[in-house]
PDB file of N, CA and C in Angstrom:
ATOM      1  N   MET A   1       0.899  -1.101   0.061  1.00  0.00           N
ATOM      2  CA  MET A   1       0.107  -0.092  -0.133  1.00  0.00           C
ATOM      3  C   MET A   1       0.814   1.157   0.018  1.00  0.00           C
ATOM      4  N   ALA A   2       0.992   1.764  -1.065  1.00  0.00           N
ATOM      5  CA  ALA A   2       1.588   3.100  -1.195  1.00  0.00           C
ATOM      6  C   ALA A   2       1.224   4.142  -0.318  1.00  0.00           C
ATOM      7  N   SER A   3       1.829   5.050   0.238  1.00  0.00           N
ATOM      8  CA  SER A   3       1.334   6.160   1.179  1.00  0.00           C
ATOM      9  C   SER A   3       1.954   7.525   0.614  1.00  0.00           C
ATOM     10  N   ARG A   4       1.105   8.509   0.572  1.00  0.00           N
ATOM     11  CA  ARG A   4       1.391   9.863   0.211  1.00  0.00           C
ATOM     12  C   ARG A   4       1.333  10.562   1.704  1.00  0.00           C
ATOM     13  N   ALA A   5       1.905  12.011   1.751  1.00  0.00           N
ATOM     14  CA  ALA A   5       1.905  12.617   3.050  1.00  0.00           C
ATOM     15  C   ALA A   5       0.660  12.792   3.417  1.00  0.00           C
ATOM     16  N   GLU A   6      -0.341  13.193   2.573  1.00  0.00           N
ATOM     17  CA  GLU A   6      -1.617  13.494   2.908  1.00  0.00           C
ATOM     18  C   GLU A   6      -2.908  12.333   3.288  1.00  0.00           C
ATOM     19  N   ASP A   7      -2.152  11.102   3.211  1.00  0.00           N
ATOM     20  CA  ASP A   7      -3.018   9.919   3.678  1.00  0.00           C
ATOM     21  C   ASP A   7      -3.153   9.772   5.170  1.00  0.00           C
ATOM     22  N   LEU A   8      -4.076   9.629   5.647  1.00  0.00           N
ATOM     23  CA  LEU A   8      -4.203   9.040   7.074  1.00  0.00           C
ATOM     24  C   LEU A   8      -4.674   7.968   7.398  1.00  0.00           C
ATOM     25  N   PHE A   9      -3.987   7.203   8.400  1.00  0.00           N
ATOM     26  CA  PHE A   9      -4.640   5.807   8.739  1.00  0.00           C
ATOM     27  C   PHE A   9      -4.995   5.970  10.018  1.00  0.00           C
ATOM     28  N   ILE A  10      -5.780   4.787  10.621  1.00  0.00           N
ATOM     29  CA  ILE A  10      -6.193   4.358  11.960  1.00  0.00           C
ATOM     30  C   ILE A  10      -5.932   3.147  12.080  1.00  0.00           C
ATOM     31  N   ALA A  11      -5.281   2.434  13.269  1.00  0.00           N
ATOM     32  CA  ALA A  11      -5.036   1.179  13.505  1.00  0.00           C
ATOM     33  C   ALA A  11      -6.340   0.623  14.280  1.00  0.00           C
ATOM     34  N   VAL A  12      -6.722  -0.691  13.519  1.00  0.00           N
ATOM     35  CA  VAL A  12      -7.823  -1.019  13.652  1.00  0.00           C
ATOM     36  C   VAL A  12      -7.257  -2.727  14.082  1.00  0.00           C
ATOM     37  N   SER A  13      -7.470  -2.992  15.529  1.00  0.00           N
ATOM     38  CA  SER A  13      -6.855  -4.261  15.803  1.00  0.00           C
ATOM     39  C   SER A  13      -5.441  -4.573  15.186  1.00  0.00           C
ATOM     40  N   GLY A  14      -4.487  -3.519  15.272  1.00  0.00           N
ATOM     41  CA  GLY A  14      -2.948  -3.768  14.783  1.00  0.00           C
ATOM     42  C   GLY A  14      -3.035  -3.733  13.370  1.00  0.00           C
ATOM     43  N   ILE A  15      -3.923  -3.283  12.524  1.00  0.00           N
ATOM     44  CA  ILE A  15      -4.029  -3.222  11.199  1.00  0.00           C
ATOM     45  C   ILE A  15      -4.165  -1.912  10.702  1.00  0.00           C
ATOM     46  N   ALA A  16      -3.222  -1.081  10.060  1.00  0.00           N
ATOM     47  CA  ALA A  16      -3.542   0.095   9.492  1.00  0.00           C
ATOM     48  C   ALA A  16      -4.312   0.064   8.356  1.00  0.00           C
ATOM     49  N   VAL A  17      -5.732   1.140   8.722  1.00  0.00           N
ATOM     50  CA  VAL A  17      -6.482   1.138   7.512  1.00  0.00           C
ATOM     51  C   VAL A  17      -6.669   2.686   7.173  1.00  0.00           C
ATOM     52  N   ARG A  18      -6.651   3.000   5.757  1.00  0.00           N
ATOM     53  CA  ARG A  18      -6.644   4.346   5.447  1.00  0.00           C
ATOM     54  C   ARG A  18      -8.139   4.953   5.751  1.00  0.00           C
ATOM     55  N   ILE A  19      -7.864   6.188   6.175  1.00  0.00           N
ATOM     56  CA  ILE A  19      -9.208   6.813   6.678  1.00  0.00           C
ATOM     57  C   ILE A  19      -9.483   7.671   5.298  1.00  0.00           C
ATOM     58  N   GLY A  20     -10.641   7.605   4.674  1.00  0.00           N
ATOM     59  CA  GLY A  20     -11.075   7.943   3.326  1.00  0.00           C
ATOM     60  C   GLY A  20     -10.700   7.129   2.189  1.00  0.00           C
ATOM     61  N   PRO A  21     -11.278   7.722   1.145  1.00  0.00           N
ATOM     62  CA  PRO A  21     -10.842   6.914  -0.227  1.00  0.00           C
ATOM     63  C   PRO A  21      -9.081   7.470  -0.459  1.00  0.00           C
ATOM     64  N   ALA A  22      -8.550   6.554  -1.537  1.00  0.00           N
ATOM     65  CA  ALA A  22      -7.205   6.538  -1.734  1.00  0.00           C
ATOM     66  C   ALA A  22      -7.182   7.760  -2.958  1.00  0.00           C
ATOM     67  N   ASP A  23      -7.987   7.722  -3.723  1.00  0.00           N
ATOM     68  CA  ASP A  23      -7.842   8.525  -4.759  1.00  0.00           C
ATOM     69  C   ASP A  23      -8.464  10.010  -4.082  1.00  0.00           C
ATOM     70  N   LEU A  24      -7.567  10.996  -4.642  1.00  0.00           N
ATOM     71  CA  LEU A  24      -7.502  12.286  -4.263  1.00  0.00           C
ATOM     72  C   LEU A  24      -8.799  13.160  -4.600  1.00  0.00           C
ATOM     73  N   ARG A  25      -9.313  12.808  -5.801  1.00  0.00           N
ATOM     74  CA  ARG A  25     -10.426  13.458  -6.255  1.00  0.00           C
ATOM     75  C   ARG A  25     -11.785  13.005  -5.306  1.00  0.00           C
ATOM     76  N   GLU A  26     -11.633  11.691  -5.236  1.00  0.00           N
ATOM     77  CA  GLU A  26     -12.859  11.019  -4.710  1.00  0.00           C
ATOM     78  C   GLU A  26     -12.759  11.503  -3.089  1.00  0.00           C
ATOM     79  N   ARG A  27     -11.671  11.565  -2.474  1.00  0.00           N
ATOM     80  CA  ARG A  27     -11.376  12.086  -0.944  1.00  0.00           C
ATOM     81  C   ARG A  27     -11.979  13.549  -0.833  1.00  0.00           C
ATOM     82  N   ALA A  28     -11.579  14.362  -1.666  1.00  0.00           N
ATOM     83  CA  ALA A  28     -12.067  15.869  -1.779  1.00  0.00           C
ATOM     84  C   ALA A  28     -13.792  15.879  -1.830  1.00  0.00           C
ATOM     85  N   ARG A  29     -14.119  14.746  -2.818  1.00  0.00           N
ATOM     86  CA  ARG A  29     -15.484  14.958  -2.764  1.00  0.00           C
ATOM     87  C   ARG A  29     -16.251  14.340  -1.632  1.00  0.00           C
ATOM     88  N   HIS A  30     -15.620  13.431  -0.983  1.00  0.00           N
ATOM     89  CA  HIS A  30     -16.017  12.930   0.339  1.00  0.00           C
ATOM     90  C   HIS A  30     -16.110  13.951   1.524  1.00  0.00           C
ATOM     91  N   GLU A  31     -14.858  14.773   1.637  1.00  0.00           N
ATOM     92  CA  GLU A  31     -14.706  15.539   2.382  1.00  0.00           C
ATOM     93  C   GLU A  31     -15.617  16.823   2.402  1.00  0.00           C
ATOM     94  N   ALA A  32     -16.070  17.001   1.042  1.00  0.00           N
ATOM     95  CA  ALA A  32     -16.855  18.163   0.840  1.00  0.00           C
ATOM     96  C   ALA A  32     -18.447  17.875   1.314  1.00  0.00           C
ATOM     97  N   LEU A  33     -18.704  16.688   1.291  1.00  0.00           N
ATOM     98  CA  LEU A  33     -20.200  16.042   1.823  1.00  0.00           C
ATOM     99  C   LEU A  33     -20.207  16.435   3.106  1.00  0.00           C
ATOM    100  N   VAL A  34     -19.100  16.549   4.209  1.00  0.00           N
ATOM    101  CA  VAL A  34     -19.141  16.743   5.418  1.00  0.00           C
ATOM    102  C   VAL A  34     -18.602  17.705   6.292  1.00  0.00           C
ATOM    103  N   ARG A  35     -17.817  18.380   5.332  1.00  0.00           N
ATOM    104  CA  ARG A  35     -17.078  19.804   5.756  1.00  0.00           C
ATOM    105  C   ARG A  35     -18.003  20.770   6.408  1.00  0.00           C
ATOM    106  N   GLY A  36     -19.273  21.085   5.876  1.00  0.00           N
ATOM    107  CA  GLY A  36     -20.208  22.141   6.216  1.00  0.00           C
ATOM    108  C   GLY A  36     -20.587  21.717   7.469  1.00  0.00           C
ATOM    109  N   ASP A  37     -21.096  20.387   7.513  1.00  0.00           N
ATOM    110  CA  ASP A  37     -21.727  19.798   8.791  1.00  0.00           C
ATOM    111  C   ASP A  37     -20.490  19.870  10.010  1.00  0.00           C
ATOM    112  N   TYR A  38     -19.525  19.349   9.803  1.00  0.00           N
ATOM    113  CA  TYR A  38     -18.542  19.469  10.875  1.00  0.00           C
ATOM    114  C   TYR A  38     -18.428  20.732  11.217  1.00  0.00           C
ATOM    115  N   GLU A  39     -18.072  21.675  10.468  1.00  0.00           N
ATOM    116  CA  GLU A  39     -17.656  23.104  11.016  1.00  0.00           C
ATOM    117  C   GLU A  39     -19.111  23.794  11.673  1.00  0.00           C
ATOM    118  N   ARG A  40     -20.175  23.533  11.345  1.00  0.00           N
ATOM    119  CA  ARG A  40     -21.217  23.945  12.174  1.00  0.00           C
ATOM    120  C   ARG A  40     -21.205  23.394  13.538  1.00  0.00           C
ATOM    121  N   CYS A  41     -21.065  22.182  13.630  1.00  0.00           N
ATOM    122  CA  CYS A  41     -20.854  21.332  14.945  1.00  0.00           C
ATOM    123  C   CYS A  41     -19.857  21.758  15.677  1.00  0.00           C
ATOM    124  N   HIS A  42     -18.555  22.489  15.076  1.00  0.00           N
ATOM    125  CA  HIS A  42     -17.629  22.946  15.878  1.00  0.00           C
ATOM    126  C   HIS A  42     -17.199  24.120  15.427  1.00  0.00           C
ATOM    127  N   PRO A  43     -17.778  25.256  15.834  1.00  0.00           N
ATOM    128  CA  PRO A  43     -17.723  26.649  15.573  1.00  0.00           C
ATOM    129  C   PRO A  43     -16.351  27.102  15.870  1.00  0.00           C
ATOM    130  N   GLY A  44     -15.832  27.922  15.086  1.00  0.00           N
ATOM    131  CA  GLY A  44     -14.411  28.219  15.180  1.00  0.00           C
ATOM    132  C   GLY A  44     -13.212  27.378  14.755  1.00  0.00           C
ATOM    133  N   GLU A  45     -13.605  26.276  14.408  1.00  0.00           N
ATOM    134  CA  GLU A  45     -12.731  25.114  14.008  1.00  0.00           C
ATOM    135  C   GLU A  45     -12.958  24.831  12.368  1.00  0.00           C
ATOM    136  N   THR A  46     -12.041  24.341  11.681  1.00  0.00           N
ATOM    137  CA  THR A  46     -12.231  23.833  10.337  1.00  0.00           C
ATOM    138  C   THR A  46     -12.053  22.289  10.066  1.00  0.00           C
ATOM    139  N   PHE A  47     -12.561  21.670   9.226  1.00  0.00           N
ATOM    140  CA  PHE A  47     -12.450  20.420   8.769  1.00  0.00           C
ATOM    141  C   PHE A  47     -10.972  20.145   8.513  1.00  0.00           C
ATOM    142  N   ASP A  48     -10.142  21.309   8.161  1.00  0.00           N
ATOM    143  CA  ASP A  48      -8.763  20.852   8.033  1.00  0.00           C
ATOM    144  C   ASP A  48      -8.119  20.784   9.170  1.00  0.00           C
ATOM    145  N   ASP A  49      -8.562  21.822  10.168  1.00  0.00           N
ATOM    146  CA  ASP A  49      -7.941  21.632  11.637  1.00  0.00           C
ATOM    147  C   ASP A  49      -7.999  20.553  12.283  1.00  0.00           C
ATOM    148  N   LEU A  50      -9.173  19.528  11.941  1.00  0.00           N
ATOM    149  CA  LEU A  50      -9.233  18.272  12.507  1.00  0.00           C
ATOM    150  C   LEU A  50      -8.241  17.442  11.508  1.00  0.00           C
ATOM    151  N   LYS A  51      -8.240  17.439  10.560  1.00  0.00           N
ATOM    152  CA  LYS A  51      -7.428  16.619   9.665  1.00  0.00           C
ATOM    153  C   LYS A  51      -5.733  16.772  10.251  1.00  0.00           C
ATOM    154  N   ARG A  52      -5.484  18.104  10.303  1.00  0.00           N
ATOM    155  CA  ARG A  52      -4.119  18.396  10.855  1.00  0.00           C
ATOM    156  C   ARG A  52      -3.804  17.543  12.163  1.00  0.00           C
ATOM    157  N   ARG A  53      -4.761  17.888  13.191  1.00  0.00           N
ATOM    158  CA  ARG A  53      -4.795  17.371  14.505  1.00  0.00           C
ATOM    159  C   ARG A  53      -4.694  15.600  14.532  1.00  0.00           C
ATOM    160  N   ALA A  54      -5.291  15.061  13.756  1.00  0.00           N
ATOM    161  CA  ALA A  54      -5.659  13.598  13.526  1.00  0.00           C
ATOM    162  C   ALA A  54      -4.243  12.885  13.236  1.00  0.00           C
ATOM    163  N   ARG A  55      -3.206  13.758  12.752  1.00  0.00           N
ATOM    164  CA  ARG A  55      -2.050  13.037  12.409  1.00  0.00           C
ATOM    165  C   ARG A  55      -1.132  12.727  13.854  1.00  0.00           C
ATOM    166  N   PHE A  56      -1.553  13.426  14.987  1.00  0.00           N
ATOM    167  CA  PHE A  56      -0.902  13.501  16.132  1.00  0.00           C
ATOM    168  C   PHE A  56      -1.748  13.075  17.534  1.00  0.00           C
ATOM    169  N   SER A  57      -3.162  12.984  16.991  1.00  0.00           N
ATOM    170  CA  SER A  57      -4.213  12.583  18.365  1.00  0.00           C
ATOM    171  C   SER A  57      -5.004  11.414  17.725  1.00  0.00           C
ATOM    172  N   LYS A  58      -4.858  10.349  18.575  1.00  0.00           N
ATOM    173  CA  LYS A  58      -5.915   9.233  18.330  1.00  0.00           C
ATOM    174  C   LYS A  58      -7.343   9.403  18.455  1.00  0.00           C
ATOM    175  N   GLU A  59      -7.581  10.551  19.364  1.00  0.00           N
ATOM    176  CA  GLU A  59      -9.161  10.844  19.623  1.00  0.00           C
ATOM    177  C   GLU A  59      -9.523  11.552  18.244  1.00  0.00           C
ATOM    178  N   ASP A  60      -8.739  12.654  17.519  1.00  0.00           N
ATOM    179  CA  ASP A  60      -8.974  13.294  16.471  1.00  0.00           C
ATOM    180  C   ASP A  60      -9.073  12.262  15.272  1.00  0.00           C
ATOM    181  N   ARG A  61      -8.199  11.262  15.466  1.00  0.00           N
ATOM    182  CA  ARG A  61      -8.003  10.234  14.186  1.00  0.00           C
ATOM    183  C   ARG A  61      -9.364   9.534  14.317  1.00  0.00           C
ATOM    184  N   GLY A  62      -9.905   9.070  15.419  1.00  0.00           N
ATOM    185  CA  GLY A  62     -11.244   8.547  15.428  1.00  0.00           C
ATOM    186  C   GLY A  62     -12.407   9.330  15.011  1.00  0.00           C
ATOM    187  N   LEU A  63     -12.355  10.432  15.434  1.00  0.00           N
ATOM    188  CA  LEU A  63     -13.201  11.497  14.892  1.00  0.00           C
ATOM    189  C   LEU A  63     -13.452  11.780  13.448  1.00  0.00           C
ATOM    190  N   LEU A  64     -12.182  11.975  12.833  1.00  0.00           N
ATOM    191  CA  LEU A  64     -12.094  12.060  11.349  1.00  0.00           C
ATOM    192  C   LEU A  64     -12.644  10.646  10.912  1.00  0.00           C
ATOM    193  N   CYS A  65     -12.383   9.503  11.421  1.00  0.00           N
ATOM    194  CA  CYS A  65     -12.843   8.350  10.812  1.00  0.00           C
ATOM    195  C   CYS A  65     -14.291   8.163  10.817  1.00  0.00           C
ATOM    196  N   ASP A  66     -14.840   8.899  12.081  1.00  0.00           N
ATOM    197  CA  ASP A  66     -16.346   8.932  12.077  1.00  0.00           C
ATOM    198  C   ASP A  66     -16.994   9.743  10.753  1.00  0.00           C
ATOM    199  N   TRP A  67     -16.362  11.016  10.710  1.00  0.00           N
ATOM    200  CA  TRP A  67     -16.857  11.734   9.715  1.00  0.00           C
ATOM    201  C   TRP A  67     -16.749  11.408   8.343  1.00  0.00           C
ATOM    202  N   MET A  68     -15.345  10.621   7.985  1.00  0.00           N
ATOM    203  CA  MET A  68     -15.469   9.982   6.776  1.00  0.00           C
ATOM    204  C   MET A  68     -16.352   8.965   6.456  1.00  0.00           C
ATOM    205  N   THR A  69     -16.604   8.196   7.476  1.00  0.00           N
ATOM    206  CA  THR A  69     -17.673   6.970   7.268  1.00  0.00           C
ATOM    207  C   THR A  69     -18.923   7.566   6.753  1.00  0.00           C
ATOM    208  N   LEU A  70     -19.299   8.487   7.525  1.00  0.00           N
ATOM    209  CA  LEU A  70     -20.513   9.368   7.288  1.00  0.00           C
ATOM    210  C   LEU A  70     -20.474   9.902   5.634  1.00  0.00           C
ATOM    211  N   ALA A  71     -19.421  10.589   5.262  1.00  0.00           N
ATOM    212  CA  ALA A  71     -19.230  10.846   3.903  1.00  0.00           C
ATOM    213  C   ALA A  71     -19.340   9.740   3.051  1.00  0.00           C
ATOM    214  N   ALA A  72     -18.835   8.682   3.346  1.00  0.00           N
ATOM    215  CA  ALA A  72     -18.670   7.316   2.512  1.00  0.00           C
ATOM    216  C   ALA A  72     -20.360   7.140   2.276  1.00  0.00           C
ATOM    217  N   ARG A  73     -21.088   7.103   3.470  1.00  0.00           N
ATOM    218  CA  ARG A  73     -22.381   6.860   3.326  1.00  0.00           C
ATOM    219  C   ARG A  73     -23.515   7.786   2.538  1.00  0.00           C
ATOM    220  N   ARG A  74     -23.041   9.030   2.524  1.00  0.00           N
ATOM    221  CA  ARG A  74     -23.583   9.933   2.062  1.00  0.00           C
ATOM    222  C   ARG A  74     -23.349   9.914   0.187  1.00  0.00           C
ATOM    223  N   ALA A  75     -22.144   9.574   0.252  1.00  0.00           N
ATOM    224  CA  ALA A  75     -21.670   9.270  -1.476  1.00  0.00           C
ATOM    225  C   ALA A  75     -22.189   8.260  -2.011  1.00  0.00           C
ATOM    226  N   SER A  76     -22.419   7.169  -0.982  1.00  0.00           N
ATOM    227  CA  SER A  76     -23.006   6.029  -1.785  1.00  0.00           C
ATOM    228  C   SER A  76     -24.672   5.731  -1.900  1.00  0.00           C
ATOM    229  N   ALA A  77     -25.037   6.906  -1.264  1.00  0.00           N
ATOM    230  CA  ALA A  77     -26.516   6.867  -1.297  1.00  0.00           C
ATOM    231  C   ALA A  77     -26.849   7.206  -2.572  1.00  0.00           C
ATOM    232  N   VAL A  78     -27.749   6.593  -3.286  1.00  0.00           N
ATOM    233  CA  VAL A  78     -28.286   6.649  -4.675  1.00  0.00           C
ATOM    234  C   VAL A  78     -29.637   7.385  -4.766  1.00  0.00           C
ATOM    235  N   VAL A  79     -29.879   8.783  -5.010  1.00  0.00           N
ATOM    236  CA  VAL A  79     -31.159   9.382  -5.226  1.00  0.00           C
ATOM    237  C   VAL A  79     -31.755   8.825  -6.653  1.00  0.00           C
ATOM    238  N   ARG A  80     -32.860   8.242  -6.268  1.00  0.00           N
ATOM    239  CA  ARG A  80     -33.456   7.608  -7.702  1.00  0.00           C
ATOM    240  C   ARG A  80     -34.545   8.453  -7.664  1.00  0.00           C
ATOM    241  N   PRO A  81     -34.932   9.077  -8.865  1.00  0.00           N
ATOM    242  CA  PRO A  81     -36.204   9.848  -9.184  1.00  0.00           C
ATOM    243  C   PRO A  81     -37.404   9.006  -9.162  1.00  0.00           C
ATOM    244  N   ARG A  82     -38.286   9.584  -8.603  1.00  0.00           N
ATOM    245  CA  ARG A  82     -39.779   8.833  -8.375  1.00  0.00           C
ATOM    246  C   ARG A  82     -40.250   8.524  -9.920  1.00  0.00           C
ATOM    247  N   MET A  83     -40.910   7.237 -10.183  1.00  0.00           N
ATOM    248  CA  MET A  83     -41.527   7.140 -11.084  1.00  0.00           C
ATOM    249  C   MET A  83     -42.991   7.682 -11.193  1.00  0.00           C
ATOM    250  N   ALA A  84     -43.458   8.107 -12.332  1.00  0.00           N
ATOM    251  CA  ALA A  84     -44.542   8.744 -12.572  1.00  0.00           C
ATOM    252  C   ALA A  84     -45.961   7.598 -12.389  1.00  0.00           C
ATOM    253  N   ALA A  85     -46.776   7.855 -11.750  1.00  0.00           N
ATOM    254  CA  ALA A  85     -47.681   6.719 -11.569  1.00  0.00           C
ATOM    255  C   ALA A  85     -48.895   6.837 -12.399  1.00  0.00           C
TER     256      ALA A  85
END
């Protein structure tokens, strides 16, 4: 697994798991899905602040992982148009 400086990982049962998608464009899309909600929940703080702190704090890594899990769920939600009756 190749790693870039912007990649973040969390250890789950001793195994390093990437936080968020590996593709940079996909990761940016996922972050955009939750950035506003995160910043509304944490006034005076940015999503980028959380990403920066996650490199040094396991609590922030866990919080970032939770937000990116939500982002993945939002990204995978398929909005289907209603069929005309």
